[in-house]
């Protein structure tokens, strides 16, 4: 289950939003990703995006390069995303 493939209309908890932002940053690879692209790919407006990014940065899940204004995922952020995806897979409804 890819976090970015979910519909934007359903309400998400904070952890899902963090995972969406980290997933977007991970897809950008080494080049980094700007706040506008993060907003579009995670279906958030500027205010909430900025607040969540600040938390992710403080927790060392994202790095921010002020000279080029880009965010990059850290190894700790990749680990969070990997664990989040494993947990989401374990909690999928059994058919």
PDB file of N, CA and C in Angstrom:
ATOM      1  N   UNK A   1       0.847  -1.168   0.000  1.00  0.00           N
ATOM      2  CA  UNK A   1       0.000   0.000   0.000  1.00  0.00           C
ATOM      3  C   UNK A   1       0.896   1.236   0.000  1.00  0.00           C
ATOM      4  N   UNK A   2       0.799   2.021  -1.013  1.00  0.00           N
ATOM      5  CA  UNK A   2       1.603   3.226  -1.142  1.00  0.00           C
ATOM      6  C   UNK A   2       0.822   4.394  -0.556  1.00  0.00           C
ATOM      7  N   UNK A   3       1.420   5.090   0.382  1.00  0.00           N
ATOM      8  CA  UNK A   3       0.744   6.168   1.097  1.00  0.00           C
ATOM      9  C   UNK A   3       0.282   7.277   0.150  1.00  0.00           C
ATOM     10  N   UNK A   4       1.007   7.516  -0.944  1.00  0.00           N
ATOM     11  CA  UNK A   4       0.634   8.593  -1.849  1.00  0.00           C
ATOM     12  C   UNK A   4      -0.492   8.203  -2.802  1.00  0.00           C
ATOM     13  N   UNK A   5      -0.824   6.907  -2.888  1.00  0.00           N
ATOM     14  CA  UNK A   5      -1.892   6.462  -3.762  1.00  0.00           C
ATOM     15  C   UNK A   5      -3.260   6.541  -3.098  1.00  0.00           C
ATOM     16  N   UNK A   6      -3.306   6.897  -1.829  1.00  0.00           N
ATOM     17  CA  UNK A   6      -4.578   7.012  -1.131  1.00  0.00           C
ATOM     18  C   UNK A   6      -5.277   8.293  -1.559  1.00  0.00           C
ATOM     19  N   UNK A   7      -6.603   8.300  -1.450  1.00  0.00           N
ATOM     20  CA  UNK A   7      -7.337   9.497  -1.852  1.00  0.00           C
ATOM     21  C   UNK A   7      -7.109  10.615  -0.849  1.00  0.00           C
ATOM     22  N   UNK A   8      -7.151  11.829  -1.329  1.00  0.00           N
ATOM     23  CA  UNK A   8      -6.909  12.994  -0.479  1.00  0.00           C
ATOM     24  C   UNK A   8      -8.162  13.392   0.303  1.00  0.00           C
ATOM     25  N   UNK A   9      -9.313  12.846  -0.025  1.00  0.00           N
ATOM     26  CA  UNK A   9     -10.556  13.282   0.591  1.00  0.00           C
ATOM     27  C   UNK A   9     -10.802  12.696   1.968  1.00  0.00           C
ATOM     28  N   UNK A  10     -10.196  11.592   2.298  1.00  0.00           N
ATOM     29  CA  UNK A  10     -10.442  11.021   3.616  1.00  0.00           C
ATOM     30  C   UNK A  10      -9.510  11.673   4.625  1.00  0.00           C
ATOM     31  N   UNK A  11      -9.963  11.743   5.858  1.00  0.00           N
ATOM     32  CA  UNK A  11      -9.154  12.366   6.894  1.00  0.00           C
ATOM     33  C   UNK A  11      -7.971  11.474   7.252  1.00  0.00           C
ATOM     34  N   UNK A  12      -6.814  12.101   7.450  1.00  0.00           N
ATOM     35  CA  UNK A  12      -5.604  11.359   7.783  1.00  0.00           C
ATOM     36  C   UNK A  12      -5.112  11.776   9.153  1.00  0.00           C
ATOM     37  N   UNK A  13      -4.490  10.825   9.852  1.00  0.00           N
ATOM     38  CA  UNK A  13      -3.889  11.202  11.124  1.00  0.00           C
ATOM     39  C   UNK A  13      -2.491  11.768  10.859  1.00  0.00           C
ATOM     40  N   UNK A  14      -1.897  12.295  11.894  1.00  0.00           N
ATOM     41  CA  UNK A  14      -0.602  12.963  11.767  1.00  0.00           C
ATOM     42  C   UNK A  14       0.471  12.022  11.237  1.00  0.00           C
ATOM     43  N   UNK A  15       0.457  10.781  11.681  1.00  0.00           N
ATOM     44  CA  UNK A  15       1.463   9.825  11.241  1.00  0.00           C
ATOM     45  C   UNK A  15       1.355   9.578   9.742  1.00  0.00           C
ATOM     46  N   UNK A  16       0.137   9.501   9.222  1.00  0.00           N
ATOM     47  CA  UNK A  16      -0.049   9.319   7.782  1.00  0.00           C
ATOM     48  C   UNK A  16       0.473  10.523   6.999  1.00  0.00           C
ATOM     49  N   UNK A  17       0.268  11.702   7.540  1.00  0.00           N
ATOM     50  CA  UNK A  17       0.769  12.915   6.877  1.00  0.00           C
ATOM     51  C   UNK A  17       2.291  12.920   6.881  1.00  0.00           C
ATOM     52  N   UNK A  18       2.895  12.572   8.005  1.00  0.00           N
ATOM     53  CA  UNK A  18       4.362  12.476   8.065  1.00  0.00           C
ATOM     54  C   UNK A  18       4.871  11.485   7.036  1.00  0.00           C
ATOM     55  N   UNK A  19       4.213  10.339   6.949  1.00  0.00           N
ATOM     56  CA  UNK A  19       4.637   9.314   5.994  1.00  0.00           C
ATOM     57  C   UNK A  19       4.514   9.824   4.557  1.00  0.00           C
ATOM     58  N   UNK A  20       3.443  10.564   4.250  1.00  0.00           N
ATOM     59  CA  UNK A  20       3.262  11.110   2.904  1.00  0.00           C
ATOM     60  C   UNK A  20       4.370  12.105   2.559  1.00  0.00           C
ATOM     61  N   UNK A  21       4.708  12.963   3.512  1.00  0.00           N
ATOM     62  CA  UNK A  21       5.783  13.932   3.279  1.00  0.00           C
ATOM     63  C   UNK A  21       7.131  13.233   3.098  1.00  0.00           C
ATOM     64  N   UNK A  22       7.399  12.235   3.931  1.00  0.00           N
ATOM     65  CA  UNK A  22       8.661  11.505   3.821  1.00  0.00           C
ATOM     66  C   UNK A  22       8.724  10.697   2.528  1.00  0.00           C
ATOM     67  N   UNK A  23       7.601  10.141   2.118  1.00  0.00           N
ATOM     68  CA  UNK A  23       7.538   9.391   0.859  1.00  0.00           C
ATOM     69  C   UNK A  23       7.865  10.314  -0.316  1.00  0.00           C
ATOM     70  N   UNK A  24       7.321  11.516  -0.293  1.00  0.00           N
ATOM     71  CA  UNK A  24       7.613  12.490  -1.353  1.00  0.00           C
ATOM     72  C   UNK A  24       9.095  12.852  -1.375  1.00  0.00           C
ATOM     73  N   UNK A  25       9.656  13.071  -0.205  1.00  0.00           N
ATOM     74  CA  UNK A  25      11.080  13.407  -0.113  1.00  0.00           C
ATOM     75  C   UNK A  25      11.935  12.233  -0.563  1.00  0.00           C
ATOM     76  N   UNK A  26      11.525  11.017  -0.248  1.00  0.00           N
ATOM     77  CA  UNK A  26      12.284   9.833  -0.656  1.00  0.00           C
ATOM     78  C   UNK A  26      12.267   9.668  -2.171  1.00  0.00           C
ATOM     79  N   UNK A  27      11.143   9.980  -2.789  1.00  0.00           N
ATOM     80  CA  UNK A  27      11.045   9.869  -4.254  1.00  0.00           C
ATOM     81  C   UNK A  27      11.924  10.896  -4.969  1.00  0.00           C
ATOM     82  N   UNK A  28      12.208  12.003  -4.304  1.00  0.00           N
ATOM     83  CA  UNK A  28      13.049  13.044  -4.904  1.00  0.00           C
ATOM     84  C   UNK A  28      14.517  12.644  -4.920  1.00  0.00           C
ATOM     85  N   UNK A  29      14.873  11.611  -4.159  1.00  0.00           N
ATOM     86  CA  UNK A  29      16.244  11.091  -4.080  1.00  0.00           C
ATOM     87  C   UNK A  29      17.230  12.149  -3.632  1.00  0.00           C
ATOM     88  N   UNK A  30      18.395  12.185  -4.253  1.00  0.00           N
ATOM     89  CA  UNK A  30      19.491  13.038  -3.805  1.00  0.00           C
ATOM     90  C   UNK A  30      19.289  14.507  -4.168  1.00  0.00           C
ATOM     91  N   UNK A  31      18.421  14.799  -5.111  1.00  0.00           N
ATOM     92  CA  UNK A  31      18.263  16.183  -5.547  1.00  0.00           C
ATOM     93  C   UNK A  31      17.538  17.039  -4.531  1.00  0.00           C
ATOM     94  N   UNK A  32      16.654  16.438  -3.754  1.00  0.00           N
ATOM     95  CA  UNK A  32      15.869  17.201  -2.792  1.00  0.00           C
ATOM     96  C   UNK A  32      14.544  17.623  -3.396  1.00  0.00           C
ATOM     97  N   UNK A  33      13.678  18.156  -2.545  1.00  0.00           N
ATOM     98  CA  UNK A  33      12.340  18.541  -2.985  1.00  0.00           C
ATOM     99  C   UNK A  33      11.941  19.834  -2.281  1.00  0.00           C
ATOM    100  N   UNK A  34      11.292  20.706  -3.002  1.00  0.00           N
ATOM    101  CA  UNK A  34      10.852  21.981  -2.449  1.00  0.00           C
ATOM    102  C   UNK A  34       9.505  21.866  -1.758  1.00  0.00           C
ATOM    103  N   UNK A  35       9.170  22.902  -1.012  1.00  0.00           N
ATOM    104  CA  UNK A  35       7.930  22.874  -0.237  1.00  0.00           C
ATOM    105  C   UNK A  35       6.693  22.840  -1.140  1.00  0.00           C
ATOM    106  N   UNK A  36       6.733  23.494  -2.290  1.00  0.00           N
ATOM    107  CA  UNK A  36       5.575  23.493  -3.187  1.00  0.00           C
ATOM    108  C   UNK A  36       5.287  22.089  -3.693  1.00  0.00           C
ATOM    109  N   UNK A  37       6.321  21.373  -4.110  1.00  0.00           N
ATOM    110  CA  UNK A  37       6.143  20.003  -4.593  1.00  0.00           C
ATOM    111  C   UNK A  37       5.658  19.097  -3.448  1.00  0.00           C
ATOM    112  N   UNK A  38       6.176  19.307  -2.245  1.00  0.00           N
ATOM    113  CA  UNK A  38       5.720  18.536  -1.093  1.00  0.00           C
ATOM    114  C   UNK A  38       4.238  18.783  -0.826  1.00  0.00           C
ATOM    115  N   UNK A  39       3.806  20.021  -0.982  1.00  0.00           N
ATOM    116  CA  UNK A  39       2.397  20.357  -0.781  1.00  0.00           C
ATOM    117  C   UNK A  39       1.520  19.599  -1.774  1.00  0.00           C
ATOM    118  N   UNK A  40       1.908  19.622  -3.049  1.00  0.00           N
ATOM    119  CA  UNK A  40       1.111  18.979  -4.090  1.00  0.00           C
ATOM    120  C   UNK A  40       1.061  17.466  -3.916  1.00  0.00           C
ATOM    121  N   UNK A  41       2.201  16.862  -3.616  1.00  0.00           N
ATOM    122  CA  UNK A  41       2.246  15.399  -3.545  1.00  0.00           C
ATOM    123  C   UNK A  41       1.627  14.836  -2.271  1.00  0.00           C
ATOM    124  N   UNK A  42       1.537  15.645  -1.232  1.00  0.00           N
ATOM    125  CA  UNK A  42       0.939  15.146   0.018  1.00  0.00           C
ATOM    126  C   UNK A  42      -0.452  15.734   0.272  1.00  0.00           C
ATOM    127  N   UNK A  43      -0.968  16.517  -0.669  1.00  0.00           N
ATOM    128  CA  UNK A  43      -2.320  17.071  -0.594  1.00  0.00           C
ATOM    129  C   UNK A  43      -2.531  17.931   0.657  1.00  0.00           C
ATOM    130  N   UNK A  44      -1.612  18.864   0.884  1.00  0.00           N
ATOM    131  CA  UNK A  44      -1.713  19.773   2.024  1.00  0.00           C
ATOM    132  C   UNK A  44      -1.560  21.210   1.550  1.00  0.00           C
ATOM    133  N   UNK A  45      -2.098  22.136   2.309  1.00  0.00           N
ATOM    134  CA  UNK A  45      -1.877  23.553   2.021  1.00  0.00           C
ATOM    135  C   UNK A  45      -0.570  23.984   2.684  1.00  0.00           C
ATOM    136  N   UNK A  46      -0.181  25.232   2.447  1.00  0.00           N
ATOM    137  CA  UNK A  46       1.130  25.701   2.900  1.00  0.00           C
ATOM    138  C   UNK A  46       1.294  25.641   4.421  1.00  0.00           C
ATOM    139  N   UNK A  47       0.326  26.159   5.162  1.00  0.00           N
ATOM    140  CA  UNK A  47       0.451  26.225   6.625  1.00  0.00           C
ATOM    141  C   UNK A  47       0.700  24.869   7.276  1.00  0.00           C
ATOM    142  N   UNK A  48      -0.194  23.901   7.044  1.00  0.00           N
ATOM    143  CA  UNK A  48       0.043  22.579   7.638  1.00  0.00           C
ATOM    144  C   UNK A  48       1.332  21.919   7.136  1.00  0.00           C
ATOM    145  N   UNK A  49       1.643  22.101   5.859  1.00  0.00           N
ATOM    146  CA  UNK A  49       2.878  21.513   5.328  1.00  0.00           C
ATOM    147  C   UNK A  49       4.076  22.062   6.076  1.00  0.00           C
ATOM    148  N   UNK A  50       4.125  23.371   6.232  1.00  0.00           N
ATOM    149  CA  UNK A  50       5.255  24.002   6.904  1.00  0.00           C
ATOM    150  C   UNK A  50       5.383  23.517   8.349  1.00  0.00           C
ATOM    151  N   UNK A  51       4.273  23.420   9.062  1.00  0.00           N
ATOM    152  CA  UNK A  51       4.307  22.961  10.454  1.00  0.00           C
ATOM    153  C   UNK A  51       4.795  21.516  10.562  1.00  0.00           C
ATOM    154  N   UNK A  52       4.303  20.656   9.688  1.00  0.00           N
ATOM    155  CA  UNK A  52       4.726  19.249   9.709  1.00  0.00           C
ATOM    156  C   UNK A  52       6.201  19.114   9.310  1.00  0.00           C
ATOM    157  N   UNK A  53       6.636  19.899   8.347  1.00  0.00           N
ATOM    158  CA  UNK A  53       8.039  19.843   7.940  1.00  0.00           C
ATOM    159  C   UNK A  53       8.959  20.284   9.069  1.00  0.00           C
ATOM    160  N   UNK A  54       8.535  21.279   9.815  1.00  0.00           N
ATOM    161  CA  UNK A  54       9.341  21.737  10.949  1.00  0.00           C
ATOM    162  C   UNK A  54       9.501  20.620  11.989  1.00  0.00           C
ATOM    163  N   UNK A  55       8.421  19.902  12.248  1.00  0.00           N
ATOM    164  CA  UNK A  55       8.488  18.783  13.199  1.00  0.00           C
ATOM    165  C   UNK A  55       9.401  17.682  12.673  1.00  0.00           C
ATOM    166  N   UNK A  56       9.257  17.340  11.403  1.00  0.00           N
ATOM    167  CA  UNK A  56      10.114  16.302  10.808  1.00  0.00           C
ATOM    168  C   UNK A  56      11.579  16.718  10.830  1.00  0.00           C
ATOM    169  N   UNK A  57      11.833  18.000  10.617  1.00  0.00           N
ATOM    170  CA  UNK A  57      13.208  18.504  10.657  1.00  0.00           C
ATOM    171  C   UNK A  57      13.761  18.430  12.087  1.00  0.00           C
ATOM    172  N   UNK A  58      12.968  18.843  13.060  1.00  0.00           N
ATOM    173  CA  UNK A  58      13.420  18.798  14.463  1.00  0.00           C
ATOM    174  C   UNK A  58      13.692  17.372  14.935  1.00  0.00           C
ATOM    175  N   UNK A  59      12.934  16.418  14.397  1.00  0.00           N
ATOM    176  CA  UNK A  59      13.128  15.014  14.762  1.00  0.00           C
ATOM    177  C   UNK A  59      14.227  14.342  13.924  1.00  0.00           C
ATOM    178  N   UNK A  60      14.861  15.112  13.059  1.00  0.00           N
ATOM    179  CA  UNK A  60      15.957  14.629  12.205  1.00  0.00           C
ATOM    180  C   UNK A  60      15.503  13.573  11.192  1.00  0.00           C
ATOM    181  N   UNK A  61      14.251  13.682  10.757  1.00  0.00           N
ATOM    182  CA  UNK A  61      13.751  12.795   9.719  1.00  0.00           C
ATOM    183  C   UNK A  61      13.936  13.413   8.340  1.00  0.00           C
ATOM    184  N   UNK A  62      14.058  14.732   8.303  1.00  0.00           N
ATOM    185  CA  UNK A  62      14.336  15.487   7.080  1.00  0.00           C
ATOM    186  C   UNK A  62      15.473  16.460   7.342  1.00  0.00           C
ATOM    187  N   UNK A  63      16.256  16.687   6.301  1.00  0.00           N
ATOM    188  CA  UNK A  63      17.265  17.747   6.324  1.00  0.00           C
ATOM    189  C   UNK A  63      16.777  18.869   5.430  1.00  0.00           C
ATOM    190  N   UNK A  64      17.172  20.090   5.745  1.00  0.00           N
ATOM    191  CA  UNK A  64      16.811  21.243   4.918  1.00  0.00           C
ATOM    192  C   UNK A  64      18.079  21.973   4.522  1.00  0.00           C
ATOM    193  N   UNK A  65      18.255  22.164   3.229  1.00  0.00           N
ATOM    194  CA  UNK A  65      19.398  22.903   2.704  1.00  0.00           C
ATOM    195  C   UNK A  65      18.934  24.322   2.392  1.00  0.00           C
ATOM    196  N   UNK A  66      19.293  25.262   3.249  1.00  0.00           N
ATOM    197  CA  UNK A  66      18.821  26.644   3.123  1.00  0.00           C
ATOM    198  C   UNK A  66      19.358  27.326   1.863  1.00  0.00           C
ATOM    199  N   UNK A  67      20.532  26.920   1.390  1.00  0.00           N
ATOM    200  CA  UNK A  67      21.111  27.577   0.212  1.00  0.00           C
ATOM    201  C   UNK A  67      20.308  27.302  -1.056  1.00  0.00           C
ATOM    202  N   UNK A  68      19.699  26.127  -1.158  1.00  0.00           N
ATOM    203  CA  UNK A  68      18.900  25.790  -2.340  1.00  0.00           C
ATOM    204  C   UNK A  68      17.420  25.615  -2.015  1.00  0.00           C
ATOM    205  N   UNK A  69      17.063  25.766  -0.729  1.00  0.00           N
ATOM    206  CA  UNK A  69      15.675  25.688  -0.257  1.00  0.00           C
ATOM    207  C   UNK A  69      15.017  24.340  -0.595  1.00  0.00           C
ATOM    208  N   UNK A  70      15.732  23.249  -0.323  1.00  0.00           N
ATOM    209  CA  UNK A  70      15.221  21.909  -0.601  1.00  0.00           C
ATOM    210  C   UNK A  70      15.304  21.016   0.627  1.00  0.00           C
ATOM    211  N   UNK A  71      14.350  20.115   0.729  1.00  0.00           N
ATOM    212  CA  UNK A  71      14.319  19.120   1.800  1.00  0.00           C
ATOM    213  C   UNK A  71      14.820  17.790   1.259  1.00  0.00           C
ATOM    214  N   UNK A  72      15.535  17.058   2.118  1.00  0.00           N
ATOM    215  CA  UNK A  72      16.010  15.722   1.770  1.00  0.00           C
ATOM    216  C   UNK A  72      15.724  14.790   2.933  1.00  0.00           C
ATOM    217  N   UNK A  73      15.355  13.564   2.618  1.00  0.00           N
ATOM    218  CA  UNK A  73      15.082  12.584   3.657  1.00  0.00           C
ATOM    219  C   UNK A  73      16.400  12.088   4.248  1.00  0.00           C
ATOM    220  N   UNK A  74      16.415  11.847   5.538  1.00  0.00           N
ATOM    221  CA  UNK A  74      17.609  11.346   6.229  1.00  0.00           C
ATOM    222  C   UNK A  74      17.505   9.826   6.364  1.00  0.00           C
ATOM    223  N   UNK A  75      18.598   9.166   6.745  1.00  0.00           N
ATOM    224  CA  UNK A  75      18.513   7.723   7.010  1.00  0.00           C
ATOM    225  C   UNK A  75      17.470   7.398   8.086  1.00  0.00           C
ATOM    226  N   UNK A  76      17.361   8.240   9.092  1.00  0.00           N
ATOM    227  CA  UNK A  76      16.354   8.038  10.141  1.00  0.00           C
ATOM    228  C   UNK A  76      14.951   8.168   9.542  1.00  0.00           C
ATOM    229  N   UNK A  77      14.778   9.101   8.602  1.00  0.00           N
ATOM    230  CA  UNK A  77      13.494   9.271   7.925  1.00  0.00           C
ATOM    231  C   UNK A  77      13.145   8.054   7.083  1.00  0.00           C
ATOM    232  N   UNK A  78      14.132   7.494   6.403  1.00  0.00           N
ATOM    233  CA  UNK A  78      13.909   6.268   5.620  1.00  0.00           C
ATOM    234  C   UNK A  78      13.512   5.107   6.532  1.00  0.00           C
ATOM    235  N   UNK A  79      14.151   5.031   7.690  1.00  0.00           N
ATOM    236  CA  UNK A  79      13.835   3.974   8.643  1.00  0.00           C
ATOM    237  C   UNK A  79      12.393   4.133   9.141  1.00  0.00           C
ATOM    238  N   UNK A  80      11.985   5.358   9.465  1.00  0.00           N
ATOM    239  CA  UNK A  80      10.610   5.623   9.883  1.00  0.00           C
ATOM    240  C   UNK A  80       9.632   5.174   8.801  1.00  0.00           C
ATOM    241  N   UNK A  81       9.910   5.553   7.558  1.00  0.00           N
ATOM    242  CA  UNK A  81       9.027   5.229   6.443  1.00  0.00           C
ATOM    243  C   UNK A  81       8.933   3.718   6.245  1.00  0.00           C
ATOM    244  N   UNK A  82      10.042   3.030   6.355  1.00  0.00           N
ATOM    245  CA  UNK A  82      10.058   1.576   6.209  1.00  0.00           C
ATOM    246  C   UNK A  82       9.207   0.917   7.305  1.00  0.00           C
ATOM    247  N   UNK A  83       9.385   1.363   8.537  1.00  0.00           N
ATOM    248  CA  UNK A  83       8.607   0.806   9.647  1.00  0.00           C
ATOM    249  C   UNK A  83       7.122   1.149   9.513  1.00  0.00           C
ATOM    250  N   UNK A  84       6.829   2.352   9.069  1.00  0.00           N
ATOM    251  CA  UNK A  84       5.440   2.761   8.873  1.00  0.00           C
ATOM    252  C   UNK A  84       4.772   1.869   7.826  1.00  0.00           C
ATOM    253  N   UNK A  85       5.453   1.639   6.710  1.00  0.00           N
ATOM    254  CA  UNK A  85       4.885   0.805   5.646  1.00  0.00           C
ATOM    255  C   UNK A  85       4.692  -0.635   6.104  1.00  0.00           C
ATOM    256  N   UNK A  86       5.618  -1.162   6.902  1.00  0.00           N
ATOM    257  CA  UNK A  86       5.460  -2.517   7.443  1.00  0.00           C
ATOM    258  C   UNK A  86       4.237  -2.585   8.353  1.00  0.00           C
ATOM    259  N   UNK A  87       4.079  -1.586   9.202  1.00  0.00           N
ATOM    260  CA  UNK A  87       2.949  -1.553  10.117  1.00  0.00           C
ATOM    261  C   UNK A  87       1.630  -1.448   9.345  1.00  0.00           C
ATOM    262  N   UNK A  88       1.581  -0.586   8.339  1.00  0.00           N
ATOM    263  CA  UNK A  88       0.363  -0.414   7.540  1.00  0.00           C
ATOM    264  C   UNK A  88       0.007  -1.722   6.838  1.00  0.00           C
ATOM    265  N   UNK A  89       1.012  -2.427   6.362  1.00  0.00           N
ATOM    266  CA  UNK A  89       0.760  -3.710   5.694  1.00  0.00           C
ATOM    267  C   UNK A  89       0.204  -4.740   6.684  1.00  0.00           C
ATOM    268  N   UNK A  90       0.734  -4.740   7.904  1.00  0.00           N
ATOM    269  CA  UNK A  90       0.257  -5.681   8.910  1.00  0.00           C
ATOM    270  C   UNK A  90      -1.183  -5.391   9.322  1.00  0.00           C
ATOM    271  N   UNK A  91      -1.591  -4.140   9.243  1.00  0.00           N
ATOM    272  CA  UNK A  91      -2.933  -3.742   9.684  1.00  0.00           C
ATOM    273  C   UNK A  91      -3.972  -3.731   8.565  1.00  0.00           C
ATOM    274  N   UNK A  92      -3.582  -4.146   7.365  1.00  0.00           N
ATOM    275  CA  UNK A  92      -4.545  -4.212   6.264  1.00  0.00           C
ATOM    276  C   UNK A  92      -5.645  -5.201   6.601  1.00  0.00           C
ATOM    277  N   UNK A  93      -6.861  -4.910   6.192  1.00  0.00           N
ATOM    278  CA  UNK A  93      -7.968  -5.846   6.465  1.00  0.00           C
ATOM    279  C   UNK A  93      -7.732  -7.183   5.751  1.00  0.00           C
ATOM    280  N   UNK A  94      -8.089  -8.249   6.420  1.00  0.00           N
ATOM    281  CA  UNK A  94      -7.950  -9.579   5.840  1.00  0.00           C
ATOM    282  C   UNK A  94      -9.158  -9.834   4.964  1.00  0.00           C
ATOM    283  N   UNK A  95      -8.918 -10.284   3.730  1.00  0.00           N
ATOM    284  CA  UNK A  95     -10.058 -10.528   2.832  1.00  0.00           C
ATOM    285  C   UNK A  95     -10.421 -11.988   2.759  1.00  0.00           C
TER     286      UNK A  95
END
